[in-house]
Amino acid sequence: MANSAQARKRARQTEKQRQHNTSLRSTLRTAIKKVQKAIKAGDPAAAQTVYQSSVAVIDRIADKKIIHKNKASRHKSRLSHAIKALAA
């Protein structure tokens, strides 16, 4: 347990930030799953539309350093490849 007032405050701040980061990470996962669901449905146009909105979410979360920029890029690349394979 924190012994000083400063340490108690820091613990409160850390917990609040952890919960916020968890919420953002959940938003990221939801965005990725929406694209995967659209890909499974088999409609390339709809998948592309959902992908465009999800890219904005992925980039925003990467900019906040919730996930690494390379991980964001990897997710976008894999989803993009899946959509292109669906169209072909």
Protein backbone atom coordinates (compact mmCIF):
# COMPACT_ATOMS: atom_id res chain seq x y z
CA MET A 1 0.00 0.00 0.00
CA ALA A 2 1.14 3.53 -0.73
CA ASN A 3 2.60 5.30 2.31
CA SER A 4 2.73 8.93 1.21
CA ALA A 5 0.01 11.21 -0.11
CA GLN A 6 1.94 11.52 -3.37
CA ALA A 7 2.07 7.73 -3.80
CA ARG A 8 -1.66 7.40 -3.02
CA LYS A 9 -2.50 10.03 -5.62
CA ARG A 10 -0.21 8.36 -8.17
CA ALA A 11 -1.95 5.02 -7.52
CA ARG A 12 -5.35 6.65 -8.13
CA GLN A 13 -4.14 8.26 -11.35
CA THR A 14 -2.59 5.04 -12.58
CA GLU A 15 -5.78 3.07 -11.98
CA LYS A 16 -7.88 5.65 -13.78
CA GLN A 17 -5.49 5.67 -16.74
CA ARG A 18 -5.41 1.85 -16.84
CA GLN A 19 -9.19 1.73 -17.08
CA HIS A 20 -9.19 4.32 -19.87
CA ASN A 21 -6.54 2.39 -21.80
CA THR A 22 -8.52 -0.83 -21.37
CA SER A 23 -11.58 0.88 -22.83
CA LEU A 24 -9.61 2.10 -25.85
CA ARG A 25 -8.09 -1.34 -26.39
CA SER A 26 -11.60 -2.80 -26.35
CA THR A 27 -12.68 -0.26 -28.98
CA LEU A 28 -9.74 -1.34 -31.13
CA ARG A 29 -10.66 -5.01 -30.89
CA THR A 30 -14.28 -4.25 -31.74
CA ALA A 31 -13.23 -2.28 -34.84
CA ILE A 32 -11.06 -5.16 -36.03
CA LYS A 33 -13.82 -7.70 -35.43
CA LYS A 34 -16.31 -5.59 -37.42
CA VAL A 35 -14.03 -5.74 -40.45
CA GLN A 36 -13.46 -9.48 -40.02
CA LYS A 37 -17.23 -10.02 -39.81
CA ALA A 38 -17.76 -7.99 -43.00
CA ILE A 39 -15.07 -10.05 -44.74
CA LYS A 40 -16.76 -13.28 -43.65
CA ALA A 41 -20.06 -12.00 -45.02
CA GLY A 42 -18.41 -11.96 -48.44
CA ASP A 43 -19.24 -8.45 -49.64
CA PRO A 44 -16.03 -6.64 -50.68
CA ALA A 45 -17.68 -3.21 -50.96
CA ALA A 46 -19.18 -3.38 -47.48
CA ALA A 47 -15.92 -4.74 -46.07
CA GLN A 48 -14.00 -1.86 -47.64
CA THR A 49 -16.38 0.69 -46.12
CA VAL A 50 -16.07 -0.82 -42.64
CA TYR A 51 -12.30 -1.08 -43.12
CA GLN A 52 -11.99 2.66 -43.82
CA SER A 53 -13.75 3.59 -40.58
CA SER A 54 -11.74 1.01 -38.64
CA VAL A 55 -8.44 2.36 -39.96
CA ALA A 56 -9.27 5.71 -38.36
CA VAL A 57 -9.89 3.99 -35.02
CA ILE A 58 -6.71 1.92 -35.26
CA ASP A 59 -4.58 4.96 -36.13
CA ARG A 60 -6.11 7.06 -33.35
CA ILE A 61 -5.35 4.41 -30.75
CA ALA A 62 -1.81 3.94 -32.07
CA ASP A 63 -1.24 7.71 -31.90
CA LYS A 64 -2.17 7.60 -28.22
CA LYS A 65 0.45 4.85 -27.78
CA ILE A 66 -2.10 2.33 -26.49
CA ILE A 67 -0.63 -0.06 -29.05
CA HIS A 68 2.63 0.24 -30.97
CA LYS A 69 2.47 1.84 -34.41
CA ASN A 70 3.90 -1.31 -35.99
CA LYS A 71 1.14 -3.42 -34.46
CA ALA A 72 -1.44 -1.00 -35.85
CA SER A 73 0.21 -1.22 -39.25
CA ARG A 74 0.21 -5.01 -39.09
CA HIS A 75 -3.51 -5.12 -38.30
CA LYS A 76 -4.33 -2.75 -41.15
CA SER A 77 -2.17 -4.71 -43.57
CA ARG A 78 -3.73 -8.07 -42.72
CA LEU A 79 -7.25 -6.71 -43.00
CA SER A 80 -6.45 -5.00 -46.29
CA HIS A 81 -4.98 -8.20 -47.73
CA ALA A 82 -8.06 -10.15 -46.67
CA ILE A 83 -10.35 -7.63 -48.39
CA LYS A 84 -8.24 -7.74 -51.57
CA ALA A 85 -8.33 -11.54 -51.56
CA LEU A 86 -12.10 -11.38 -51.16
CA ALA A 87 -12.47 -9.10 -54.18
CA ALA A 88 -10.22 -11.29 -56.36
